[in-house]
PDB file of N, CA and C in Angstrom:
ATOM      1  N   MET A   1      60.500 -95.445 -29.564  1.00  0.00           N
ATOM      2  CA  MET A   1      59.975 -94.172 -29.110  1.00  0.00           C
ATOM      3  C   MET A   1      60.789 -93.674 -27.928  1.00  0.00           C
ATOM      4  N   SER A   2      60.919 -92.376 -27.879  1.00  0.00           N
ATOM      5  CA  SER A   2      61.641 -91.795 -26.753  1.00  0.00           C
ATOM      6  C   SER A   2      60.708 -91.636 -25.556  1.00  0.00           C
ATOM      7  N   ALA A   3      61.299 -91.362 -24.432  1.00  0.00           N
ATOM      8  CA  ALA A   3      60.515 -91.214 -23.199  1.00  0.00           C
ATOM      9  C   ALA A   3      59.578 -90.015 -23.281  1.00  0.00           C
ATOM     10  N   ILE A   4      60.023 -88.937 -23.911  1.00  0.00           N
ATOM     11  CA  ILE A   4      59.173 -87.747 -24.026  1.00  0.00           C
ATOM     12  C   ILE A   4      57.977 -88.013 -24.941  1.00  0.00           C
ATOM     13  N   ALA A   5      58.174 -88.801 -25.978  1.00  0.00           N
ATOM     14  CA  ALA A   5      57.065 -89.143 -26.873  1.00  0.00           C
ATOM     15  C   ALA A   5      56.031 -90.009 -26.155  1.00  0.00           C
ATOM     16  N   ILE A   6      56.490 -90.938 -25.364  1.00  0.00           N
ATOM     17  CA  ILE A   6      55.572 -91.793 -24.599  1.00  0.00           C
ATOM     18  C   ILE A   6      54.823 -90.958 -23.558  1.00  0.00           C
ATOM     19  N   ALA A   7      55.516 -90.037 -22.908  1.00  0.00           N
ATOM     20  CA  ALA A   7      54.870 -89.173 -21.919  1.00  0.00           C
ATOM     21  C   ALA A   7      53.812 -88.287 -22.572  1.00  0.00           C
ATOM     22  N   CYS A   8      54.112 -87.744 -23.739  1.00  0.00           N
ATOM     23  CA  CYS A   8      53.127 -86.924 -24.459  1.00  0.00           C
ATOM     24  C   CYS A   8      51.934 -87.763 -24.888  1.00  0.00           C
ATOM     25  N   PHE A   9      52.182 -88.974 -25.337  1.00  0.00           N
ATOM     26  CA  PHE A   9      51.088 -89.866 -25.733  1.00  0.00           C
ATOM     27  C   PHE A   9      50.185 -90.185 -24.549  1.00  0.00           C
ATOM     28  N   ILE A  10      50.786 -90.524 -23.422  1.00  0.00           N
ATOM     29  CA  ILE A  10      49.997 -90.855 -22.231  1.00  0.00           C
ATOM     30  C   ILE A  10      49.225 -89.626 -21.749  1.00  0.00           C
ATOM     31  N   GLY A  11      49.862 -88.478 -21.756  1.00  0.00           N
ATOM     32  CA  GLY A  11      49.180 -87.251 -21.335  1.00  0.00           C
ATOM     33  C   GLY A  11      48.002 -86.906 -22.219  1.00  0.00           C
ATOM     34  N   SER A  12      48.170 -87.020 -23.526  1.00  0.00           N
ATOM     35  CA  SER A  12      47.065 -86.702 -24.430  1.00  0.00           C
ATOM     36  C   SER A  12      45.954 -87.743 -24.340  1.00  0.00           C
ATOM     37  N   ALA A  13      46.300 -89.004 -24.137  1.00  0.00           N
ATOM     38  CA  ALA A  13      45.278 -90.042 -23.980  1.00  0.00           C
ATOM     39  C   ALA A  13      44.468 -89.815 -22.711  1.00  0.00           C
ATOM     40  N   VAL A  14      45.131 -89.394 -21.631  1.00  0.00           N
ATOM     41  CA  VAL A  14      44.420 -89.109 -20.378  1.00  0.00           C
ATOM     42  C   VAL A  14      43.470 -87.927 -20.561  1.00  0.00           C
ATOM     43  N   ILE A  15      43.892 -86.909 -21.287  1.00  0.00           N
ATOM     44  CA  ILE A  15      43.027 -85.750 -21.526  1.00  0.00           C
ATOM     45  C   ILE A  15      41.805 -86.146 -22.344  1.00  0.00           C
ATOM     46  N   ILE A  16      41.994 -86.900 -23.427  1.00  0.00           N
ATOM     47  CA  ILE A  16      40.879 -87.300 -24.290  1.00  0.00           C
ATOM     48  C   ILE A  16      39.928 -88.225 -23.552  1.00  0.00           C
ATOM     49  N   TRP A  17      40.438 -89.298 -22.971  1.00  0.00           N
ATOM     50  CA  TRP A  17      39.572 -90.262 -22.283  1.00  0.00           C
ATOM     51  C   TRP A  17      38.971 -89.667 -21.018  1.00  0.00           C
ATOM     52  N   GLY A  18      39.693 -88.797 -20.353  1.00  0.00           N
ATOM     53  CA  GLY A  18      39.147 -88.126 -19.173  1.00  0.00           C
ATOM     54  C   GLY A  18      37.976 -87.226 -19.533  1.00  0.00           C
ATOM     55  N   GLY A  19      38.078 -86.539 -20.665  1.00  0.00           N
ATOM     56  CA  GLY A  19      36.960 -85.721 -21.129  1.00  0.00           C
ATOM     57  C   GLY A  19      35.757 -86.559 -21.486  1.00  0.00           C
ATOM     58  N   LEU A  20      35.990 -87.708 -22.092  1.00  0.00           N
ATOM     59  CA  LEU A  20      34.888 -88.609 -22.431  1.00  0.00           C
ATOM     60  C   LEU A  20      34.202 -89.116 -21.170  1.00  0.00           C
ATOM     61  N   VAL A  21      34.979 -89.535 -20.199  1.00  0.00           N
ATOM     62  CA  VAL A  21      34.407 -90.036 -18.943  1.00  0.00           C
ATOM     63  C   VAL A  21      33.645 -88.923 -18.224  1.00  0.00           C
ATOM     64  N   ALA A  22      34.203 -87.724 -18.190  1.00  0.00           N
ATOM     65  CA  ALA A  22      33.526 -86.602 -17.539  1.00  0.00           C
ATOM     66  C   ALA A  22      32.215 -86.275 -18.243  1.00  0.00           C
ATOM     67  N   SER A  23      32.187 -86.340 -19.573  1.00  0.00           N
ATOM     68  CA  SER A  23      30.962 -86.078 -20.325  1.00  0.00           C
ATOM     69  C   SER A  23      29.896 -87.120 -20.042  1.00  0.00           C
ATOM     70  N   VAL A  24      30.286 -88.375 -19.982  1.00  0.00           N
ATOM     71  CA  VAL A  24      29.324 -89.449 -19.698  1.00  0.00           C
ATOM     72  C   VAL A  24      28.754 -89.293 -18.292  1.00  0.00           C
ATOM     73  N   ILE A  25      29.599 -88.966 -17.330  1.00  0.00           N
ATOM     74  CA  ILE A  25      29.122 -88.772 -15.958  1.00  0.00           C
ATOM     75  C   ILE A  25      28.175 -87.583 -15.886  1.00  0.00           C
ATOM     76  N   PHE A  26      28.524 -86.479 -16.547  1.00  0.00           N
ATOM     77  CA  PHE A  26      27.662 -85.298 -16.532  1.00  0.00           C
ATOM     78  C   PHE A  26      26.316 -85.589 -17.179  1.00  0.00           C
ATOM     79  N   LEU A  27      26.316 -86.272 -18.314  1.00  0.00           N
ATOM     80  CA  LEU A  27      25.059 -86.582 -18.993  1.00  0.00           C
ATOM     81  C   LEU A  27      24.214 -87.573 -18.214  1.00  0.00           C
ATOM     82  N   SER A  28      24.834 -88.456 -17.461  1.00  0.00           N
ATOM     83  CA  SER A  28      24.043 -89.393 -16.661  1.00  0.00           C
ATOM     84  C   SER A  28      23.404 -88.694 -15.466  1.00  0.00           C
ATOM     85  N   MET A  29      24.025 -87.625 -14.962  1.00  0.00           N
ATOM     86  CA  MET A  29      23.453 -86.899 -13.833  1.00  0.00           C
ATOM     87  C   MET A  29      22.386 -85.905 -14.273  1.00  0.00           C
ATOM     88  N   LYS A  30      22.536 -85.280 -15.442  1.00  0.00           N
ATOM     89  CA  LYS A  30      21.588 -84.276 -15.930  1.00  0.00           C
ATOM     90  C   LYS A  30      21.362 -84.528 -17.417  1.00  0.00           C
ATOM     91  N   PRO A  31      20.460 -85.455 -17.766  1.00  0.00           N
ATOM     92  CA  PRO A  31      20.345 -85.909 -19.147  1.00  0.00           C
ATOM     93  C   PRO A  31      19.672 -84.955 -20.122  1.00  0.00           C
ATOM     94  N   SER A  32      18.827 -84.022 -19.649  1.00  0.00           N
ATOM     95  CA  SER A  32      18.136 -83.158 -20.608  1.00  0.00           C
ATOM     96  C   SER A  32      17.972 -81.755 -20.041  1.00  0.00           C
ATOM     97  N   VAL A  33      17.665 -80.832 -20.943  1.00  0.00           N
ATOM     98  CA  VAL A  33      17.445 -79.447 -20.559  1.00  0.00           C
ATOM     99  C   VAL A  33      16.031 -79.322 -20.012  1.00  0.00           C
ATOM    100  N   GLU A  34      15.888 -78.688 -18.849  1.00  0.00           N
ATOM    101  CA  GLU A  34      14.568 -78.559 -18.238  1.00  0.00           C
ATOM    102  C   GLU A  34      13.786 -77.385 -18.814  1.00  0.00           C
ATOM    103  N   VAL A  35      14.454 -76.285 -19.115  1.00  0.00           N
ATOM    104  CA  VAL A  35      13.783 -75.095 -19.632  1.00  0.00           C
ATOM    105  C   VAL A  35      14.529 -74.635 -20.876  1.00  0.00           C
ATOM    106  N   TYR A  36      13.791 -74.456 -21.965  1.00  0.00           N
ATOM    107  CA  TYR A  36      14.378 -73.978 -23.207  1.00  0.00           C
ATOM    108  C   TYR A  36      14.142 -72.478 -23.346  1.00  0.00           C
ATOM    109  N   PRO A  37      15.030 -71.751 -24.009  1.00  0.00           N
ATOM    110  CA  PRO A  37      14.818 -70.318 -24.206  1.00  0.00           C
ATOM    111  C   PRO A  37      13.708 -70.058 -25.224  1.00  0.00           C
ATOM    112  N   ASP A  38      13.091 -68.877 -25.142  1.00  0.00           N
ATOM    113  CA  ASP A  38      12.037 -68.505 -26.079  1.00  0.00           C
ATOM    114  C   ASP A  38      12.603 -68.284 -27.473  1.00  0.00           C
ATOM    115  N   GLY A  39      11.737 -68.400 -28.484  1.00  0.00           N
ATOM    116  CA  GLY A  39      12.124 -68.087 -29.852  1.00  0.00           C
ATOM    117  C   GLY A  39      12.463 -69.280 -30.709  1.00  0.00           C
ATOM    118  N   GLY A  40      12.286 -70.474 -30.230  1.00  0.00           N
ATOM    119  CA  GLY A  40      12.598 -71.658 -31.021  1.00  0.00           C
ATOM    120  C   GLY A  40      11.408 -72.129 -31.839  1.00  0.00           C
ATOM    121  N   ILE A  41      11.611 -73.140 -32.640  1.00  0.00           N
ATOM    122  CA  ILE A  41      10.555 -73.740 -33.444  1.00  0.00           C
ATOM    123  C   ILE A  41      10.132 -75.038 -32.769  1.00  0.00           C
ATOM    124  N   ASP A  42       8.820 -75.196 -32.576  1.00  0.00           N
ATOM    125  CA  ASP A  42       8.288 -76.392 -31.932  1.00  0.00           C
ATOM    126  C   ASP A  42       8.397 -77.602 -32.849  1.00  0.00           C
ATOM    127  N   ALA A  43       8.114 -78.777 -32.294  1.00  0.00           N
ATOM    128  CA  ALA A  43       8.198 -80.022 -33.052  1.00  0.00           C
ATOM    129  C   ALA A  43       7.197 -80.059 -34.202  1.00  0.00           C
ATOM    130  N   ASP A  44       6.065 -79.348 -34.065  1.00  0.00           N
ATOM    131  CA  ASP A  44       5.068 -79.353 -35.138  1.00  0.00           C
ATOM    132  C   ASP A  44       5.363 -78.307 -36.211  1.00  0.00           C
ATOM    133  N   GLY A  45       6.456 -77.569 -36.083  1.00  0.00           N
ATOM    134  CA  GLY A  45       6.885 -76.632 -37.113  1.00  0.00           C
ATOM    135  C   GLY A  45       6.440 -75.202 -36.888  1.00  0.00           C
ATOM    136  N   THR A  46       5.698 -74.929 -35.834  1.00  0.00           N
ATOM    137  CA  THR A  46       5.245 -73.570 -35.563  1.00  0.00           C
ATOM    138  C   THR A  46       6.233 -72.870 -34.642  1.00  0.00           C
ATOM    139  N   GLU A  47       6.287 -71.554 -34.804  1.00  0.00           N
ATOM    140  CA  GLU A  47       7.174 -70.772 -33.945  1.00  0.00           C
ATOM    141  C   GLU A  47       6.438 -70.366 -32.688  1.00  0.00           C
ATOM    142  N   GLU A  48       7.194 -70.135 -31.631  1.00  0.00           N
ATOM    143  CA  GLU A  48       6.574 -69.696 -30.374  1.00  0.00           C
ATOM    144  C   GLU A  48       6.244 -68.236 -30.438  1.00  0.00           C
TER     145      GLU A  48
END
């Protein structure tokens, strides 16, 4: 492999794994939505 190919591989791996780590950190800090918008279907199948 050439040096440019290795650099592109490392750069893309950092972007992918960095996004995964950022997503895990974000989800651990704010795991669920506190307020849902109106107009959805409830768990029992009825509309709001």
